[in-house]
PDB file of N, CA and C in Angstrom:
ATOM      1  N   UNK A   1     -23.845   8.251 -20.186  1.00  0.00           N
ATOM      2  CA  UNK A   1     -23.411   7.822 -19.759  1.00  0.00           C
ATOM      3  C   UNK A   1     -22.581   7.637 -18.322  1.00  0.00           C
ATOM      4  N   UNK A   2     -22.268   8.902 -18.401  1.00  0.00           N
ATOM      5  CA  UNK A   2     -21.668   9.036 -16.898  1.00  0.00           C
ATOM      6  C   UNK A   2     -22.134   8.592 -15.535  1.00  0.00           C
ATOM      7  N   UNK A   3     -23.752   8.943 -16.092  1.00  0.00           N
ATOM      8  CA  UNK A   3     -24.575   8.895 -14.564  1.00  0.00           C
ATOM      9  C   UNK A   3     -24.342   7.778 -14.043  1.00  0.00           C
ATOM     10  N   UNK A   4     -24.168   6.314 -14.982  1.00  0.00           N
ATOM     11  CA  UNK A   4     -24.122   4.896 -14.766  1.00  0.00           C
ATOM     12  C   UNK A   4     -23.047   5.002 -13.555  1.00  0.00           C
ATOM     13  N   UNK A   5     -21.854   5.800 -14.622  1.00  0.00           N
ATOM     14  CA  UNK A   5     -20.826   4.830 -13.477  1.00  0.00           C
ATOM     15  C   UNK A   5     -20.232   5.543 -12.637  1.00  0.00           C
ATOM     16  N   UNK A   6     -20.707   6.515 -12.807  1.00  0.00           N
ATOM     17  CA  UNK A   6     -20.618   8.015 -11.172  1.00  0.00           C
ATOM     18  C   UNK A   6     -22.014   6.829  -9.841  1.00  0.00           C
ATOM     19  N   UNK A   7     -22.961   6.480 -10.269  1.00  0.00           N
ATOM     20  CA  UNK A   7     -23.479   5.038  -9.753  1.00  0.00           C
ATOM     21  C   UNK A   7     -23.093   4.023  -8.807  1.00  0.00           C
ATOM     22  N   UNK A   8     -22.127   3.677  -9.614  1.00  0.00           N
ATOM     23  CA  UNK A   8     -20.685   2.683  -9.869  1.00  0.00           C
ATOM     24  C   UNK A   8     -19.939   2.989  -8.841  1.00  0.00           C
ATOM     25  N   UNK A   9     -19.554   4.364  -9.086  1.00  0.00           N
ATOM     26  CA  UNK A   9     -18.324   4.992  -8.159  1.00  0.00           C
ATOM     27  C   UNK A   9     -19.518   5.058  -6.438  1.00  0.00           C
ATOM     28  N   UNK A  10     -20.283   5.716  -5.830  1.00  0.00           N
ATOM     29  CA  UNK A  10     -20.988   5.720  -5.216  1.00  0.00           C
ATOM     30  C   UNK A  10     -21.252   4.208  -4.368  1.00  0.00           C
ATOM     31  N   UNK A  11     -22.084   3.115  -4.990  1.00  0.00           N
ATOM     32  CA  UNK A  11     -21.657   2.176  -4.952  1.00  0.00           C
ATOM     33  C   UNK A  11     -20.192   1.634  -3.864  1.00  0.00           C
ATOM     34  N   UNK A  12     -19.415   1.492  -4.583  1.00  0.00           N
ATOM     35  CA  UNK A  12     -17.635   1.503  -4.719  1.00  0.00           C
ATOM     36  C   UNK A  12     -17.395   2.167  -3.305  1.00  0.00           C
ATOM     37  N   UNK A  13     -17.634   3.291  -3.358  1.00  0.00           N
ATOM     38  CA  UNK A  13     -17.861   3.809  -2.060  1.00  0.00           C
ATOM     39  C   UNK A  13     -17.970   3.535  -0.773  1.00  0.00           C
ATOM     40  N   UNK A  14     -19.353   3.377  -0.785  1.00  0.00           N
ATOM     41  CA  UNK A  14     -20.089   2.778   0.217  1.00  0.00           C
ATOM     42  C   UNK A  14     -19.503   1.265   0.602  1.00  0.00           C
ATOM     43  N   UNK A  15     -18.856   0.389  -0.187  1.00  0.00           N
ATOM     44  CA  UNK A  15     -18.069  -0.872  -0.044  1.00  0.00           C
ATOM     45  C   UNK A  15     -17.053  -0.973   0.806  1.00  0.00           C
ATOM     46  N   UNK A  16     -16.422   0.078  -0.072  1.00  0.00           N
ATOM     47  CA  UNK A  16     -15.609   0.334   1.106  1.00  0.00           C
ATOM     48  C   UNK A  16     -15.057   1.261   2.344  1.00  0.00           C
ATOM     49  N   UNK A  17     -16.360   1.519   2.549  1.00  0.00           N
ATOM     50  CA  UNK A  17     -16.212   2.350   4.020  1.00  0.00           C
ATOM     51  C   UNK A  17     -16.846   0.899   4.777  1.00  0.00           C
ATOM     52  N   UNK A  18     -16.959   0.079   4.038  1.00  0.00           N
ATOM     53  CA  UNK A  18     -18.075  -1.159   5.028  1.00  0.00           C
ATOM     54  C   UNK A  18     -17.212  -1.939   5.028  1.00  0.00           C
ATOM     55  N   UNK A  19     -15.904  -1.979   4.119  1.00  0.00           N
ATOM     56  CA  UNK A  19     -15.005  -3.051   4.568  1.00  0.00           C
ATOM     57  C   UNK A  19     -14.280  -2.588   5.337  1.00  0.00           C
ATOM     58  N   UNK A  20     -13.484  -1.125   5.004  1.00  0.00           N
ATOM     59  CA  UNK A  20     -12.876  -0.858   6.020  1.00  0.00           C
ATOM     60  C   UNK A  20     -13.045  -0.518   7.494  1.00  0.00           C
ATOM     61  N   UNK A  21     -14.426  -0.381   8.171  1.00  0.00           N
ATOM     62  CA  UNK A  21     -14.528  -0.001   9.299  1.00  0.00           C
ATOM     63  C   UNK A  21     -14.821  -1.682   9.699  1.00  0.00           C
ATOM     64  N   UNK A  22     -14.951  -2.702   8.763  1.00  0.00           N
ATOM     65  CA  UNK A  22     -14.595  -4.312   9.308  1.00  0.00           C
ATOM     66  C   UNK A  22     -14.153  -4.901   9.543  1.00  0.00           C
ATOM     67  N   UNK A  23     -13.236  -4.727   8.549  1.00  0.00           N
ATOM     68  CA  UNK A  23     -11.979  -5.913   8.715  1.00  0.00           C
ATOM     69  C   UNK A  23     -10.427  -5.428   8.668  1.00  0.00           C
ATOM     70  N   UNK A  24     -10.673  -3.660   8.464  1.00  0.00           N
ATOM     71  CA  UNK A  24      -9.241  -2.642   7.987  1.00  0.00           C
ATOM     72  C   UNK A  24      -8.686  -1.918   6.659  1.00  0.00           C
ATOM     73  N   UNK A  25      -7.990  -1.155   7.271  1.00  0.00           N
ATOM     74  CA  UNK A  25      -7.985  -0.919   5.573  1.00  0.00           C
ATOM     75  C   UNK A  25      -6.987  -1.487   4.829  1.00  0.00           C
ATOM     76  N   UNK A  26      -6.675  -2.550   5.585  1.00  0.00           N
ATOM     77  CA  UNK A  26      -4.825  -3.148   5.565  1.00  0.00           C
ATOM     78  C   UNK A  26      -5.603  -4.414   5.019  1.00  0.00           C
ATOM     79  N   UNK A  27      -6.842  -5.077   5.222  1.00  0.00           N
ATOM     80  CA  UNK A  27      -7.112  -5.875   4.968  1.00  0.00           C
ATOM     81  C   UNK A  27      -7.157  -6.234   3.641  1.00  0.00           C
ATOM     82  N   UNK A  28      -6.971  -7.092   2.499  1.00  0.00           N
ATOM     83  CA  UNK A  28      -6.836  -7.609   1.065  1.00  0.00           C
ATOM     84  C   UNK A  28      -8.094  -7.317   0.618  1.00  0.00           C
ATOM     85  N   UNK A  29      -9.099  -7.500   1.479  1.00  0.00           N
ATOM     86  CA  UNK A  29     -10.326  -7.162   0.576  1.00  0.00           C
ATOM     87  C   UNK A  29     -10.333  -5.701   0.452  1.00  0.00           C
ATOM     88  N   UNK A  30      -9.837  -4.623   1.736  1.00  0.00           N
ATOM     89  CA  UNK A  30     -10.106  -3.281   0.954  1.00  0.00           C
ATOM     90  C   UNK A  30      -8.990  -2.891   0.346  1.00  0.00           C
ATOM     91  N   UNK A  31      -8.698  -3.632  -0.188  1.00  0.00           N
ATOM     92  CA  UNK A  31      -7.246  -3.161  -1.048  1.00  0.00           C
ATOM     93  C   UNK A  31      -8.126  -3.421  -2.821  1.00  0.00           C
ATOM     94  N   UNK A  32      -8.421  -4.357  -2.610  1.00  0.00           N
ATOM     95  CA  UNK A  32      -9.192  -4.792  -3.786  1.00  0.00           C
ATOM     96  C   UNK A  32     -10.063  -4.019  -3.785  1.00  0.00           C
ATOM     97  N   UNK A  33     -11.036  -3.353  -2.937  1.00  0.00           N
ATOM     98  CA  UNK A  33     -12.611  -2.667  -3.372  1.00  0.00           C
ATOM     99  C   UNK A  33     -11.872  -0.957  -3.861  1.00  0.00           C
ATOM    100  N   UNK A  34     -10.885  -0.928  -3.055  1.00  0.00           N
ATOM    101  CA  UNK A  34      -9.388   0.096  -2.939  1.00  0.00           C
ATOM    102  C   UNK A  34      -9.609   0.469  -4.575  1.00  0.00           C
ATOM    103  N   UNK A  35      -8.702  -0.488  -5.302  1.00  0.00           N
ATOM    104  CA  UNK A  35      -8.922  -0.300  -6.502  1.00  0.00           C
ATOM    105  C   UNK A  35      -9.640  -0.283  -7.371  1.00  0.00           C
ATOM    106  N   UNK A  36     -10.783  -1.174  -6.952  1.00  0.00           N
ATOM    107  CA  UNK A  36     -11.900  -1.156  -8.353  1.00  0.00           C
ATOM    108  C   UNK A  36     -12.281  -0.086  -7.830  1.00  0.00           C
ATOM    109  N   UNK A  37     -11.927   0.992  -7.223  1.00  0.00           N
ATOM    110  CA  UNK A  37     -13.205   2.420  -6.603  1.00  0.00           C
ATOM    111  C   UNK A  37     -11.995   2.845  -7.666  1.00  0.00           C
ATOM    112  N   UNK A  38     -10.825   2.716  -7.417  1.00  0.00           N
ATOM    113  CA  UNK A  38     -10.194   4.288  -8.342  1.00  0.00           C
ATOM    114  C   UNK A  38     -10.237   3.900  -9.593  1.00  0.00           C
ATOM    115  N   UNK A  39      -9.915   2.379  -9.819  1.00  0.00           N
ATOM    116  CA  UNK A  39     -10.157   2.823 -11.818  1.00  0.00           C
ATOM    117  C   UNK A  39     -11.594   2.906 -11.814  1.00  0.00           C
ATOM    118  N   UNK A  40     -13.059   2.855 -11.165  1.00  0.00           N
ATOM    119  CA  UNK A  40     -14.256   3.553 -11.998  1.00  0.00           C
ATOM    120  C   UNK A  40     -14.208   4.893 -11.507  1.00  0.00           C
ATOM    121  N   UNK A  41     -13.040   5.391 -10.248  1.00  0.00           N
ATOM    122  CA  UNK A  41     -12.853   7.248 -10.614  1.00  0.00           C
ATOM    123  C   UNK A  41     -12.494   7.630 -11.999  1.00  0.00           C
ATOM    124  N   UNK A  42     -11.537   6.617 -12.339  1.00  0.00           N
ATOM    125  CA  UNK A  42     -10.516   6.974 -12.844  1.00  0.00           C
ATOM    126  C   UNK A  42     -11.669   6.995 -14.762  1.00  0.00           C
ATOM    127  N   UNK A  43     -12.442   5.872 -14.776  1.00  0.00           N
ATOM    128  CA  UNK A  43     -13.577   5.989 -16.026  1.00  0.00           C
ATOM    129  C   UNK A  43     -14.131   6.651 -16.078  1.00  0.00           C
ATOM    130  N   UNK A  44     -14.709   7.480 -14.709  1.00  0.00           N
ATOM    131  CA  UNK A  44     -15.770   8.264 -14.423  1.00  0.00           C
ATOM    132  C   UNK A  44     -14.916   9.565 -15.062  1.00  0.00           C
ATOM    133  N   UNK A  45     -13.811   9.797 -14.679  1.00  0.00           N
ATOM    134  CA  UNK A  45     -13.492  11.426 -15.150  1.00  0.00           C
ATOM    135  C   UNK A  45     -12.646  11.044 -16.264  1.00  0.00           C
ATOM    136  N   UNK A  46     -12.793  10.140 -16.727  1.00  0.00           N
ATOM    137  CA  UNK A  46     -12.715  10.075 -18.552  1.00  0.00           C
ATOM    138  C   UNK A  46     -13.729  10.190 -19.469  1.00  0.00           C
ATOM    139  N   UNK A  47     -15.135  10.076 -18.703  1.00  0.00           N
ATOM    140  CA  UNK A  47     -15.690  10.229 -19.428  1.00  0.00           C
ATOM    141  C   UNK A  47     -16.462  11.755 -19.359  1.00  0.00           C
ATOM    142  N   UNK A  48     -15.659  12.400 -18.141  1.00  0.00           N
ATOM    143  CA  UNK A  48     -16.833  13.493 -17.754  1.00  0.00           C
ATOM    144  C   UNK A  48     -16.113  14.695 -18.762  1.00  0.00           C
ATOM    145  N   UNK A  49     -14.444  14.183 -18.847  1.00  0.00           N
ATOM    146  CA  UNK A  49     -13.913  15.393 -20.132  1.00  0.00           C
ATOM    147  C   UNK A  49     -14.362  15.081 -21.310  1.00  0.00           C
ATOM    148  N   UNK A  50     -14.384  14.076 -21.768  1.00  0.00           N
ATOM    149  CA  UNK A  50     -15.106  13.467 -23.238  1.00  0.00           C
ATOM    150  C   UNK A  50     -16.326  14.287 -23.812  1.00  0.00           C
ATOM    151  N   UNK A  51     -16.820  15.279 -22.697  1.00  0.00           N
ATOM    152  CA  UNK A  51     -18.046  16.189 -23.414  1.00  0.00           C
ATOM    153  C   UNK A  51     -17.610  17.035 -23.785  1.00  0.00           C
TER     154      UNK A  51
END
């Protein structure tokens, strides 16, 4: 299960990098993706500490 979450983290990281390079770090889209990334990282941390 954690590996699936980690794959989503990696996908969001790439998406965030792409959005920031195209639209800037303060763009609404970058902020949204950044929040999604943080939430997914928190989910991964919870998953990995439950082992």
